[in-house]
Amino acid sequence: MERRSDHPLLAALARLPAPAFREATVDLLCPFRDRVHTLTLDKGTEGAEPERNIKSLGATGYFAHPEHSWAQGTKENTYGLIHQYFPKCRDLSTVIRKERDHATGRLHHRP
């Protein structure tokens, strides 16, 4: 979720390791490269080797403090909104691109 514009970008990852996350992040943000100035990552395993993401996008990197969920309000709120379309009990490998695009569009055009 981009904080200023509230523009969500969703990607389906076939695998969870850092390379898949890095590839999806760069693919989603490359079209906006000239407007990507900072990148804030969690300290989870998916964000391993963050310098590759940051260098690829020419951005400054920051890390969120995992124990400070109140400082990550936009991200936590967005996760809740995404769960309206894809409940936690759903296997995300079953989500097709049409569903993902629909959810992204709905989230982007929320009042």
PDB file of N, CA and C in Angstrom:
ATOM      1  N   MET A   1       0.847  -1.180   0.000  1.00  0.00           N
ATOM      2  CA  MET A   1       0.000   0.000   0.000  1.00  0.00           C
ATOM      3  C   MET A   1       0.879   1.225   0.000  1.00  0.00           C
ATOM      4  N   GLU A   2       0.626   2.085  -0.919  1.00  0.00           N
ATOM      5  CA  GLU A   2       1.375   3.328  -0.961  1.00  0.00           C
ATOM      6  C   GLU A   2       0.660   4.298  -0.038  1.00  0.00           C
ATOM      7  N   ARG A   3       1.369   4.839   0.938  1.00  0.00           N
ATOM      8  CA  ARG A   3       0.765   5.618   2.010  1.00  0.00           C
ATOM      9  C   ARG A   3       0.124   6.915   1.543  1.00  0.00           C
ATOM     10  N   ARG A   4       0.790   7.656   0.699  1.00  0.00           N
ATOM     11  CA  ARG A   4       0.261   8.967   0.318  1.00  0.00           C
ATOM     12  C   ARG A   4      -0.969   8.887  -0.566  1.00  0.00           C
ATOM     13  N   SER A   5      -0.922   8.062  -1.584  1.00  0.00           N
ATOM     14  CA  SER A   5      -2.045   7.987  -2.519  1.00  0.00           C
ATOM     15  C   SER A   5      -3.066   6.930  -2.118  1.00  0.00           C
ATOM     16  N   ASP A   6      -2.721   6.096  -1.123  1.00  0.00           N
ATOM     17  CA  ASP A   6      -3.572   4.969  -0.724  1.00  0.00           C
ATOM     18  C   ASP A   6      -3.837   4.039  -1.894  1.00  0.00           C
ATOM     19  N   HIS A   7      -2.859   3.885  -2.755  1.00  0.00           N
ATOM     20  CA  HIS A   7      -2.984   3.035  -3.933  1.00  0.00           C
ATOM     21  C   HIS A   7      -2.438   1.643  -3.610  1.00  0.00           C
ATOM     22  N   PRO A   8      -3.323   0.646  -3.449  1.00  0.00           N
ATOM     23  CA  PRO A   8      -2.838  -0.702  -3.124  1.00  0.00           C
ATOM     24  C   PRO A   8      -2.320  -1.414  -4.370  1.00  0.00           C
ATOM     25  N   LEU A   9      -1.277  -2.179  -4.196  1.00  0.00           N
ATOM     26  CA  LEU A   9      -0.731  -3.013  -5.259  1.00  0.00           C
ATOM     27  C   LEU A   9      -0.663  -4.428  -4.710  1.00  0.00           C
ATOM     28  N   LEU A  10      -1.354  -5.368  -5.355  1.00  0.00           N
ATOM     29  CA  LEU A  10      -1.388  -6.749  -4.884  1.00  0.00           C
ATOM     30  C   LEU A  10      -0.710  -7.656  -5.895  1.00  0.00           C
ATOM     31  N   ALA A  11       0.014  -8.625  -5.387  1.00  0.00           N
ATOM     32  CA  ALA A  11       0.658  -9.612  -6.245  1.00  0.00           C
ATOM     33  C   ALA A  11       0.463 -10.988  -5.631  1.00  0.00           C
ATOM     34  N   ALA A  12       0.339 -11.978  -6.481  1.00  0.00           N
ATOM     35  CA  ALA A  12       0.261 -13.361  -6.027  1.00  0.00           C
ATOM     36  C   ALA A  12       1.650 -13.966  -6.148  1.00  0.00           C
ATOM     37  N   LEU A  13       2.133 -14.520  -5.057  1.00  0.00           N
ATOM     38  CA  LEU A  13       3.458 -15.136  -5.061  1.00  0.00           C
ATOM     39  C   LEU A  13       3.305 -16.646  -5.048  1.00  0.00           C
ATOM     40  N   ALA A  14       3.944 -17.293  -5.986  1.00  0.00           N
ATOM     41  CA  ALA A  14       3.893 -18.751  -6.055  1.00  0.00           C
ATOM     42  C   ALA A  14       4.706 -19.366  -4.926  1.00  0.00           C
ATOM     43  N   ARG A  15       5.695 -18.634  -4.465  1.00  0.00           N
ATOM     44  CA  ARG A  15       6.529 -19.107  -3.367  1.00  0.00           C
ATOM     45  C   ARG A  15       6.805 -17.932  -2.440  1.00  0.00           C
ATOM     46  N   LEU A  16       7.194 -18.216  -1.219  1.00  0.00           N
ATOM     47  CA  LEU A  16       7.357 -17.162  -0.237  1.00  0.00           C
ATOM     48  C   LEU A  16       8.763 -16.629  -0.015  1.00  0.00           C
ATOM     49  N   PRO A  17       9.795 -17.259  -0.472  1.00  0.00           N
ATOM     50  CA  PRO A  17      11.123 -16.747  -0.138  1.00  0.00           C
ATOM     51  C   PRO A  17      11.365 -15.321  -0.620  1.00  0.00           C
ATOM     52  N   ALA A  18      12.404 -14.743  -0.081  1.00  0.00           N
ATOM     53  CA  ALA A  18      12.753 -13.356  -0.393  1.00  0.00           C
ATOM     54  C   ALA A  18      12.864 -13.071  -1.890  1.00  0.00           C
ATOM     55  N   PRO A  19      13.449 -13.955  -2.711  1.00  0.00           N
ATOM     56  CA  PRO A  19      13.550 -13.629  -4.144  1.00  0.00           C
ATOM     57  C   PRO A  19      12.193 -13.387  -4.814  1.00  0.00           C
ATOM     58  N   ALA A  20      11.183 -14.169  -4.455  1.00  0.00           N
ATOM     59  CA  ALA A  20       9.846 -13.984  -5.044  1.00  0.00           C
ATOM     60  C   ALA A  20       9.256 -12.652  -4.602  1.00  0.00           C
ATOM     61  N   PHE A  21       9.422 -12.337  -3.321  1.00  0.00           N
ATOM     62  CA  PHE A  21       8.915 -11.069  -2.794  1.00  0.00           C
ATOM     63  C   PHE A  21       9.628  -9.898  -3.472  1.00  0.00           C
ATOM     64  N   ARG A  22      10.929 -10.001  -3.589  1.00  0.00           N
ATOM     65  CA  ARG A  22      11.731  -8.938  -4.196  1.00  0.00           C
ATOM     66  C   ARG A  22      11.308  -8.722  -5.647  1.00  0.00           C
ATOM     67  N   GLU A  23      11.163  -9.821  -6.386  1.00  0.00           N
ATOM     68  CA  GLU A  23      10.774  -9.733  -7.793  1.00  0.00           C
ATOM     69  C   GLU A  23       9.403  -9.083  -7.950  1.00  0.00           C
ATOM     70  N   ALA A  24       8.443  -9.494  -7.125  1.00  0.00           N
ATOM     71  CA  ALA A  24       7.093  -8.928  -7.202  1.00  0.00           C
ATOM     72  C   ALA A  24       7.104  -7.447  -6.824  1.00  0.00           C
ATOM     73  N   THR A  25       7.861  -7.089  -5.799  1.00  0.00           N
ATOM     74  CA  THR A  25       7.937  -5.690  -5.371  1.00  0.00           C
ATOM     75  C   THR A  25       8.499  -4.811  -6.477  1.00  0.00           C
ATOM     76  N   VAL A  26       9.587  -5.238  -7.055  1.00  0.00           N
ATOM     77  CA  VAL A  26      10.210  -4.451  -8.126  1.00  0.00           C
ATOM     78  C   VAL A  26       9.294  -4.386  -9.345  1.00  0.00           C
ATOM     79  N   ASP A  27       8.669  -5.507  -9.712  1.00  0.00           N
ATOM     80  CA  ASP A  27       7.759  -5.515 -10.864  1.00  0.00           C
ATOM     81  C   ASP A  27       6.589  -4.556 -10.672  1.00  0.00           C
ATOM     82  N   LEU A  28       6.016  -4.542  -9.453  1.00  0.00           N
ATOM     83  CA  LEU A  28       4.866  -3.682  -9.189  1.00  0.00           C
ATOM     84  C   LEU A  28       5.240  -2.202  -9.128  1.00  0.00           C
ATOM     85  N   LEU A  29       6.424  -1.919  -8.594  1.00  0.00           N
ATOM     86  CA  LEU A  29       6.802  -0.521  -8.394  1.00  0.00           C
ATOM     87  C   LEU A  29       7.592   0.108  -9.540  1.00  0.00           C
ATOM     88  N   CYS A  30       8.128  -0.708 -10.439  1.00  0.00           N
ATOM     89  CA  CYS A  30       8.916  -0.161 -11.556  1.00  0.00           C
ATOM     90  C   CYS A  30       8.163   0.881 -12.392  1.00  0.00           C
ATOM     91  N   PRO A  31       6.887   0.678 -12.691  1.00  0.00           N
ATOM     92  CA  PRO A  31       6.189   1.700 -13.466  1.00  0.00           C
ATOM     93  C   PRO A  31       6.113   3.057 -12.746  1.00  0.00           C
ATOM     94  N   PHE A  32       6.300   3.043 -11.420  1.00  0.00           N
ATOM     95  CA  PHE A  32       6.220   4.266 -10.616  1.00  0.00           C
ATOM     96  C   PHE A  32       7.598   4.681 -10.096  1.00  0.00           C
ATOM     97  N   ARG A  33       8.645   4.147 -10.698  1.00  0.00           N
ATOM     98  CA  ARG A  33      10.011   4.342 -10.206  1.00  0.00           C
ATOM     99  C   ARG A  33      10.344   5.812  -9.946  1.00  0.00           C
ATOM    100  N   ASP A  34       9.898   6.705 -10.804  1.00  0.00           N
ATOM    101  CA  ASP A  34      10.212   8.124 -10.623  1.00  0.00           C
ATOM    102  C   ASP A  34       9.515   8.732  -9.408  1.00  0.00           C
ATOM    103  N   ARG A  35       8.497   8.043  -8.876  1.00  0.00           N
ATOM    104  CA  ARG A  35       7.776   8.550  -7.710  1.00  0.00           C
ATOM    105  C   ARG A  35       8.051   7.753  -6.443  1.00  0.00           C
ATOM    106  N   VAL A  36       8.835   6.690  -6.545  1.00  0.00           N
ATOM    107  CA  VAL A  36       9.167   5.878  -5.375  1.00  0.00           C
ATOM    108  C   VAL A  36      10.428   6.463  -4.743  1.00  0.00           C
ATOM    109  N   HIS A  37      10.263   7.058  -3.568  1.00  0.00           N
ATOM    110  CA  HIS A  37      11.388   7.693  -2.887  1.00  0.00           C
ATOM    111  C   HIS A  37      11.852   6.891  -1.682  1.00  0.00           C
ATOM    112  N   THR A  38      10.913   6.236  -1.004  1.00  0.00           N
ATOM    113  CA  THR A  38      11.255   5.431   0.167  1.00  0.00           C
ATOM    114  C   THR A  38      10.544   4.089   0.092  1.00  0.00           C
ATOM    115  N   LEU A  39      11.103   3.128   0.780  1.00  0.00           N
ATOM    116  CA  LEU A  39      10.521   1.794   0.855  1.00  0.00           C
ATOM    117  C   LEU A  39      10.647   1.339   2.301  1.00  0.00           C
ATOM    118  N   THR A  40       9.525   1.058   2.942  1.00  0.00           N
ATOM    119  CA  THR A  40       9.531   0.609   4.330  1.00  0.00           C
ATOM    120  C   THR A  40       9.172  -0.862   4.353  1.00  0.00           C
ATOM    121  N   LEU A  41      10.032  -1.663   4.919  1.00  0.00           N
ATOM    122  CA  LEU A  41       9.853  -3.114   4.955  1.00  0.00           C
ATOM    123  C   LEU A  41       9.707  -3.605   6.383  1.00  0.00           C
ATOM    124  N   ASP A  42       9.005  -4.716   6.535  1.00  0.00           N
ATOM    125  CA  ASP A  42       8.964  -5.418   7.814  1.00  0.00           C
ATOM    126  C   ASP A  42      10.271  -6.177   7.960  1.00  0.00           C
ATOM    127  N   LYS A  43      10.531  -6.634   9.153  1.00  0.00           N
ATOM    128  CA  LYS A  43      11.757  -7.411   9.372  1.00  0.00           C
ATOM    129  C   LYS A  43      11.501  -8.905   9.202  1.00  0.00           C
ATOM    130  N   GLY A  44      10.524  -9.257   8.395  1.00  0.00           N
ATOM    131  CA  GLY A  44      10.220 -10.660   8.127  1.00  0.00           C
ATOM    132  C   GLY A  44      11.186 -11.248   7.116  1.00  0.00           C
ATOM    133  N   THR A  45      11.112 -12.556   6.949  1.00  0.00           N
ATOM    134  CA  THR A  45      12.024 -13.239   6.029  1.00  0.00           C
ATOM    135  C   THR A  45      11.788 -12.848   4.576  1.00  0.00           C
ATOM    136  N   GLU A  46      10.569 -12.426   4.253  1.00  0.00           N
ATOM    137  CA  GLU A  46      10.292 -12.048   2.864  1.00  0.00           C
ATOM    138  C   GLU A  46      11.059 -10.794   2.450  1.00  0.00           C
ATOM    139  N   GLY A  47      11.441  -9.987   3.413  1.00  0.00           N
ATOM    140  CA  GLY A  47      12.170  -8.769   3.100  1.00  0.00           C
ATOM    141  C   GLY A  47      13.679  -8.920   3.213  1.00  0.00           C
ATOM    142  N   ALA A  48      14.154 -10.158   3.215  1.00  0.00           N
ATOM    143  CA  ALA A  48      15.594 -10.384   3.321  1.00  0.00           C
ATOM    144  C   ALA A  48      16.309  -9.745   2.135  1.00  0.00           C
ATOM    145  N   GLU A  49      17.517  -9.333   2.351  1.00  0.00           N
ATOM    146  CA  GLU A  49      18.318  -8.647   1.334  1.00  0.00           C
ATOM    147  C   GLU A  49      17.582  -7.418   0.786  1.00  0.00           C
ATOM    148  N   PRO A  50      17.134  -6.538   1.675  1.00  0.00           N
ATOM    149  CA  PRO A  50      16.342  -5.386   1.222  1.00  0.00           C
ATOM    150  C   PRO A  50      17.112  -4.436   0.320  1.00  0.00           C
ATOM    151  N   GLU A  51      18.426  -4.436   0.450  1.00  0.00           N
ATOM    152  CA  GLU A  51      19.209  -3.506  -0.373  1.00  0.00           C
ATOM    153  C   GLU A  51      19.015  -3.756  -1.860  1.00  0.00           C
ATOM    154  N   ARG A  52      18.677  -4.982  -2.238  1.00  0.00           N
ATOM    155  CA  ARG A  52      18.425  -5.275  -3.659  1.00  0.00           C
ATOM    156  C   ARG A  52      17.150  -4.571  -4.130  1.00  0.00           C
ATOM    157  N   ASN A  53      16.084  -4.645  -3.320  1.00  0.00           N
ATOM    158  CA  ASN A  53      14.843  -3.932  -3.657  1.00  0.00           C
ATOM    159  C   ASN A  53      15.104  -2.446  -3.744  1.00  0.00           C
ATOM    160  N   ILE A  54      15.763  -1.945  -2.727  1.00  0.00           N
ATOM    161  CA  ILE A  54      15.978  -0.513  -2.609  1.00  0.00           C
ATOM    162  C   ILE A  54      16.859  -0.006  -3.752  1.00  0.00           C
ATOM    163  N   LYS A  55      17.920  -0.734  -4.032  1.00  0.00           N
ATOM    164  CA  LYS A  55      18.833  -0.328  -5.105  1.00  0.00           C
ATOM    165  C   LYS A  55      18.132  -0.389  -6.463  1.00  0.00           C
ATOM    166  N   SER A  56      17.326  -1.428  -6.689  1.00  0.00           N
ATOM    167  CA  SER A  56      16.619  -1.579  -7.964  1.00  0.00           C
ATOM    168  C   SER A  56      15.679  -0.417  -8.236  1.00  0.00           C
ATOM    169  N   LEU A  57      15.124   0.140  -7.169  1.00  0.00           N
ATOM    170  CA  LEU A  57      14.149   1.217  -7.326  1.00  0.00           C
ATOM    171  C   LEU A  57      14.751   2.597  -7.098  1.00  0.00           C
ATOM    172  N   GLY A  58      16.003   2.643  -6.664  1.00  0.00           N
ATOM    173  CA  GLY A  58      16.642   3.931  -6.387  1.00  0.00           C
ATOM    174  C   GLY A  58      15.982   4.657  -5.234  1.00  0.00           C
ATOM    175  N   ALA A  59      15.572   3.929  -4.215  1.00  0.00           N
ATOM    176  CA  ALA A  59      14.848   4.501  -3.084  1.00  0.00           C
ATOM    177  C   ALA A  59      15.690   4.420  -1.808  1.00  0.00           C
ATOM    178  N   THR A  60      15.221   5.104  -0.783  1.00  0.00           N
ATOM    179  CA  THR A  60      15.815   5.015   0.546  1.00  0.00           C
ATOM    180  C   THR A  60      15.013   3.985   1.323  1.00  0.00           C
ATOM    181  N   GLY A  61      15.690   3.125   2.068  1.00  0.00           N
ATOM    182  CA  GLY A  61      14.999   2.064   2.779  1.00  0.00           C
ATOM    183  C   GLY A  61      14.876   2.295   4.275  1.00  0.00           C
ATOM    184  N   TYR A  62      13.767   1.833   4.819  1.00  0.00           N
ATOM    185  CA  TYR A  62      13.498   1.900   6.254  1.00  0.00           C
ATOM    186  C   TYR A  62      12.917   0.573   6.692  1.00  0.00           C
ATOM    187  N   PHE A  63      13.008   0.294   7.988  1.00  0.00           N
ATOM    188  CA  PHE A  63      12.395  -0.910   8.541  1.00  0.00           C
ATOM    189  C   PHE A  63      11.378  -0.529   9.597  1.00  0.00           C
ATOM    190  N   ALA A  64      10.223  -1.194   9.545  1.00  0.00           N
ATOM    191  CA  ALA A  64       9.198  -1.002  10.564  1.00  0.00           C
ATOM    192  C   ALA A  64       9.577  -1.827  11.790  1.00  0.00           C
ATOM    193  N   HIS A  65       9.244  -1.321  12.956  1.00  0.00           N
ATOM    194  CA  HIS A  65       9.485  -2.065  14.188  1.00  0.00           C
ATOM    195  C   HIS A  65       8.340  -3.049  14.381  1.00  0.00           C
ATOM    196  N   PRO A  66       8.618  -4.346  14.389  1.00  0.00           N
ATOM    197  CA  PRO A  66       7.541  -5.335  14.455  1.00  0.00           C
ATOM    198  C   PRO A  66       6.686  -5.234  15.711  1.00  0.00           C
ATOM    199  N   GLU A  67       7.263  -4.785  16.807  1.00  0.00           N
ATOM    200  CA  GLU A  67       6.485  -4.707  18.050  1.00  0.00           C
ATOM    201  C   GLU A  67       5.669  -3.425  18.154  1.00  0.00           C
ATOM    202  N   HIS A  68       5.746  -2.544  17.164  1.00  0.00           N
ATOM    203  CA  HIS A  68       5.019  -1.288  17.177  1.00  0.00           C
ATOM    204  C   HIS A  68       3.935  -1.281  16.109  1.00  0.00           C
ATOM    205  N   SER A  69       2.929  -2.128  16.253  1.00  0.00           N
ATOM    206  CA  SER A  69       1.882  -2.215  15.234  1.00  0.00           C
ATOM    207  C   SER A  69       1.114  -0.908  15.100  1.00  0.00           C
ATOM    208  N   TRP A  70       1.052  -0.098  16.157  1.00  0.00           N
ATOM    209  CA  TRP A  70       0.351   1.182  16.089  1.00  0.00           C
ATOM    210  C   TRP A  70       1.055   2.167  15.156  1.00  0.00           C
ATOM    211  N   ALA A  71       2.324   1.941  14.880  1.00  0.00           N
ATOM    212  CA  ALA A  71       3.069   2.813  13.977  1.00  0.00           C
ATOM    213  C   ALA A  71       2.934   2.353  12.525  1.00  0.00           C
ATOM    214  N   GLN A  72       2.189   1.286  12.310  1.00  0.00           N
ATOM    215  CA  GLN A  72       2.022   0.723  10.973  1.00  0.00           C
ATOM    216  C   GLN A  72       0.541   0.698  10.603  1.00  0.00           C
ATOM    217  N   GLY A  73      -0.145   1.752  10.967  1.00  0.00           N
ATOM    218  CA  GLY A  73      -1.594   1.794  10.810  1.00  0.00           C
ATOM    219  C   GLY A  73      -2.090   1.566   9.396  1.00  0.00           C
ATOM    220  N   THR A  74      -1.457   2.190   8.423  1.00  0.00           N
ATOM    221  CA  THR A  74      -1.909   2.045   7.037  1.00  0.00           C
ATOM    222  C   THR A  74      -1.799   0.601   6.584  1.00  0.00           C
ATOM    223  N   LYS A  75      -0.674  -0.029   6.908  1.00  0.00           N
ATOM    224  CA  LYS A  75      -0.462  -1.418   6.498  1.00  0.00           C
ATOM    225  C   LYS A  75      -1.468  -2.339   7.185  1.00  0.00           C
ATOM    226  N   GLU A  76      -1.634  -2.185   8.501  1.00  0.00           N
ATOM    227  CA  GLU A  76      -2.552  -3.044   9.246  1.00  0.00           C
ATOM    228  C   GLU A  76      -3.989  -2.854   8.765  1.00  0.00           C
ATOM    229  N   ASN A  77      -4.385  -1.613   8.497  1.00  0.00           N
ATOM    230  CA  ASN A  77      -5.727  -1.341   7.993  1.00  0.00           C
ATOM    231  C   ASN A  77      -5.921  -1.972   6.617  1.00  0.00           C
ATOM    232  N   THR A  78      -4.918  -1.873   5.764  1.00  0.00           N
ATOM    233  CA  THR A  78      -5.003  -2.439   4.417  1.00  0.00           C
ATOM    234  C   THR A  78      -5.131  -3.955   4.479  1.00  0.00           C
ATOM    235  N   TYR A  79      -4.384  -4.591   5.387  1.00  0.00           N
ATOM    236  CA  TYR A  79      -4.520  -6.044   5.543  1.00  0.00           C
ATOM    237  C   TYR A  79      -5.963  -6.401   5.892  1.00  0.00           C
ATOM    238  N   GLY A  80      -6.580  -5.624   6.770  1.00  0.00           N
ATOM    239  CA  GLY A  80      -7.974  -5.876   7.131  1.00  0.00           C
ATOM    240  C   GLY A  80      -8.898  -5.729   5.937  1.00  0.00           C
ATOM    241  N   LEU A  81      -8.652  -4.710   5.115  1.00  0.00           N
ATOM    242  CA  LEU A  81      -9.483  -4.499   3.928  1.00  0.00           C
ATOM    243  C   LEU A  81      -9.299  -5.626   2.914  1.00  0.00           C
ATOM    244  N   ILE A  82      -8.069  -6.079   2.756  1.00  0.00           N
ATOM    245  CA  ILE A  82      -7.798  -7.188   1.830  1.00  0.00           C
ATOM    246  C   ILE A  82      -8.505  -8.452   2.287  1.00  0.00           C
ATOM    247  N   HIS A  83      -8.570  -8.660   3.607  1.00  0.00           N
ATOM    248  CA  HIS A  83      -9.238  -9.857   4.136  1.00  0.00           C
ATOM    249  C   HIS A  83     -10.742  -9.838   3.891  1.00  0.00           C
ATOM    250  N   GLN A  84     -11.316  -8.680   3.547  1.00  0.00           N
ATOM    251  CA  GLN A  84     -12.724  -8.642   3.161  1.00  0.00           C
ATOM    252  C   GLN A  84     -12.927  -9.375   1.840  1.00  0.00           C
ATOM    253  N   TYR A  85     -11.915  -9.361   0.970  1.00  0.00           N
ATOM    254  CA  TYR A  85     -11.993 -10.026  -0.325  1.00  0.00           C
ATOM    255  C   TYR A  85     -11.413 -11.431  -0.285  1.00  0.00           C
ATOM    256  N   PHE A  86     -10.392 -11.615   0.519  1.00  0.00           N
ATOM    257  CA  PHE A  86      -9.712 -12.908   0.629  1.00  0.00           C
ATOM    258  C   PHE A  86      -9.569 -13.249   2.107  1.00  0.00           C
ATOM    259  N   PRO A  87     -10.570 -13.941   2.681  1.00  0.00           N
ATOM    260  CA  PRO A  87     -10.522 -14.267   4.108  1.00  0.00           C
ATOM    261  C   PRO A  87      -9.277 -15.081   4.461  1.00  0.00           C
ATOM    262  N   LYS A  88      -8.873 -14.982   5.720  1.00  0.00           N
ATOM    263  CA  LYS A  88      -7.673 -15.681   6.177  1.00  0.00           C
ATOM    264  C   LYS A  88      -7.753 -17.187   5.941  1.00  0.00           C
ATOM    265  N   CYS A  89      -8.942 -17.738   5.963  1.00  0.00           N
ATOM    266  CA  CYS A  89      -9.102 -19.184   5.800  1.00  0.00           C
ATOM    267  C   CYS A  89      -8.946 -19.622   4.335  1.00  0.00           C
ATOM    268  N   ARG A  90      -8.935 -18.696   3.414  1.00  0.00           N
ATOM    269  CA  ARG A  90      -8.837 -19.047   1.994  1.00  0.00           C
ATOM    270  C   ARG A  90      -7.389 -19.317   1.598  1.00  0.00           C
ATOM    271  N   ASP A  91      -7.212 -20.340   0.806  1.00  0.00           N
ATOM    272  CA  ASP A  91      -5.899 -20.661   0.253  1.00  0.00           C
ATOM    273  C   ASP A  91      -5.627 -19.655  -0.865  1.00  0.00           C
ATOM    274  N   LEU A  92      -4.642 -18.790  -0.664  1.00  0.00           N
ATOM    275  CA  LEU A  92      -4.384 -17.720  -1.629  1.00  0.00           C
ATOM    276  C   LEU A  92      -3.849 -18.219  -2.960  1.00  0.00           C
ATOM    277  N   SER A  93      -3.429 -19.480  -3.010  1.00  0.00           N
ATOM    278  CA  SER A  93      -2.990 -20.021  -4.299  1.00  0.00           C
ATOM    279  C   SER A  93      -4.170 -20.231  -5.246  1.00  0.00           C
ATOM    280  N   THR A  94      -5.391 -20.151  -4.726  1.00  0.00           N
ATOM    281  CA  THR A  94      -6.582 -20.304  -5.555  1.00  0.00           C
ATOM    282  C   THR A  94      -7.087 -18.971  -6.116  1.00  0.00           C
ATOM    283  N   VAL A  95      -6.473 -17.865  -5.710  1.00  0.00           N
ATOM    284  CA  VAL A  95      -6.895 -16.544  -6.174  1.00  0.00           C
ATOM    285  C   VAL A  95      -6.409 -16.340  -7.604  1.00  0.00           C
ATOM    286  N   ILE A  96      -7.349 -16.046  -8.493  1.00  0.00           N
ATOM    287  CA  ILE A  96      -6.977 -15.813  -9.892  1.00  0.00           C
ATOM    288  C   ILE A  96      -6.757 -14.318 -10.122  1.00  0.00           C
ATOM    289  N   ARG A  97      -6.080 -14.001 -11.216  1.00  0.00           N
ATOM    290  CA  ARG A  97      -5.727 -12.606 -11.512  1.00  0.00           C
ATOM    291  C   ARG A  97      -6.957 -11.703 -11.567  1.00  0.00           C
ATOM    292  N   LYS A  98      -8.054 -12.199 -12.119  1.00  0.00           N
ATOM    293  CA  LYS A  98      -9.272 -11.393 -12.224  1.00  0.00           C
ATOM    294  C   LYS A  98      -9.767 -10.981 -10.836  1.00  0.00           C
ATOM    295  N   GLU A  99      -9.724 -11.909  -9.882  1.00  0.00           N
ATOM    296  CA  GLU A  99     -10.137 -11.598  -8.512  1.00  0.00           C
ATOM    297  C   GLU A  99      -9.190 -10.574  -7.874  1.00  0.00           C
ATOM    298  N   ARG A 100      -7.901 -10.759  -8.086  1.00  0.00           N
ATOM    299  CA  ARG A 100      -6.906  -9.853  -7.521  1.00  0.00           C
ATOM    300  C   ARG A 100      -7.073  -8.451  -8.106  1.00  0.00           C
ATOM    301  N   ASP A 101      -7.269  -8.364  -9.418  1.00  0.00           N
ATOM    302  CA  ASP A 101      -7.463  -7.072 -10.056  1.00  0.00           C
ATOM    303  C   ASP A 101      -8.751  -6.392  -9.579  1.00  0.00           C
ATOM    304  N   HIS A 102      -9.797  -7.195  -9.383  1.00  0.00           N
ATOM    305  CA  HIS A 102     -11.064  -6.659  -8.878  1.00  0.00           C
ATOM    306  C   HIS A 102     -10.868  -6.072  -7.480  1.00  0.00           C
ATOM    307  N   ALA A 103     -10.211  -6.820  -6.606  1.00  0.00           N
ATOM    308  CA  ALA A 103      -9.976  -6.348  -5.235  1.00  0.00           C
ATOM    309  C   ALA A 103      -9.108  -5.096  -5.246  1.00  0.00           C
ATOM    310  N   THR A 104      -8.072  -5.084  -6.071  1.00  0.00           N
ATOM    311  CA  THR A 104      -7.199  -3.912  -6.161  1.00  0.00           C
ATOM    312  C   THR A 104      -7.993  -2.686  -6.605  1.00  0.00           C
ATOM    313  N   GLY A 105      -8.811  -2.844  -7.626  1.00  0.00           N
ATOM    314  CA  GLY A 105      -9.625  -1.737  -8.109  1.00  0.00           C
ATOM    315  C   GLY A 105     -10.596  -1.230  -7.064  1.00  0.00           C
ATOM    316  N   ARG A 106     -11.239  -2.151  -6.360  1.00  0.00           N
ATOM    317  CA  ARG A 106     -12.178  -1.754  -5.314  1.00  0.00           C
ATOM    318  C   ARG A 106     -11.470  -1.024  -4.171  1.00  0.00           C
ATOM    319  N   LEU A 107     -10.317  -1.529  -3.783  1.00  0.00           N
ATOM    320  CA  LEU A 107      -9.560  -0.880  -2.711  1.00  0.00           C
ATOM    321  C   LEU A 107      -9.063   0.496  -3.137  1.00  0.00           C
ATOM    322  N   HIS A 108      -8.662   0.610  -4.384  1.00  0.00           N
ATOM    323  CA  HIS A 108      -8.145   1.890  -4.874  1.00  0.00           C
ATOM    324  C   HIS A 108      -9.242   2.955  -4.975  1.00  0.00           C
ATOM    325  N   HIS A 109     -10.460   2.530  -5.252  1.00  0.00           N
ATOM    326  CA  HIS A 109     -11.551   3.485  -5.449  1.00  0.00           C
ATOM    327  C   HIS A 109     -12.491   3.573  -4.249  1.00  0.00           C
ATOM    328  N   ARG A 110     -12.004   3.234  -3.080  1.00  0.00           N
ATOM    329  CA  ARG A 110     -12.815   3.380  -1.863  1.00  0.00           C
ATOM    330  C   ARG A 110     -13.027   4.857  -1.561  1.00  0.00           C
ATOM    331  N   PRO A 111     -14.216   5.197  -1.071  1.00  0.00           N
ATOM    332  CA  PRO A 111     -14.457   6.623  -0.730  1.00  0.00           C
ATOM    333  C   PRO A 111     -13.607   7.036   0.464  1.00  0.00           C
TER     334      PRO A 111
END
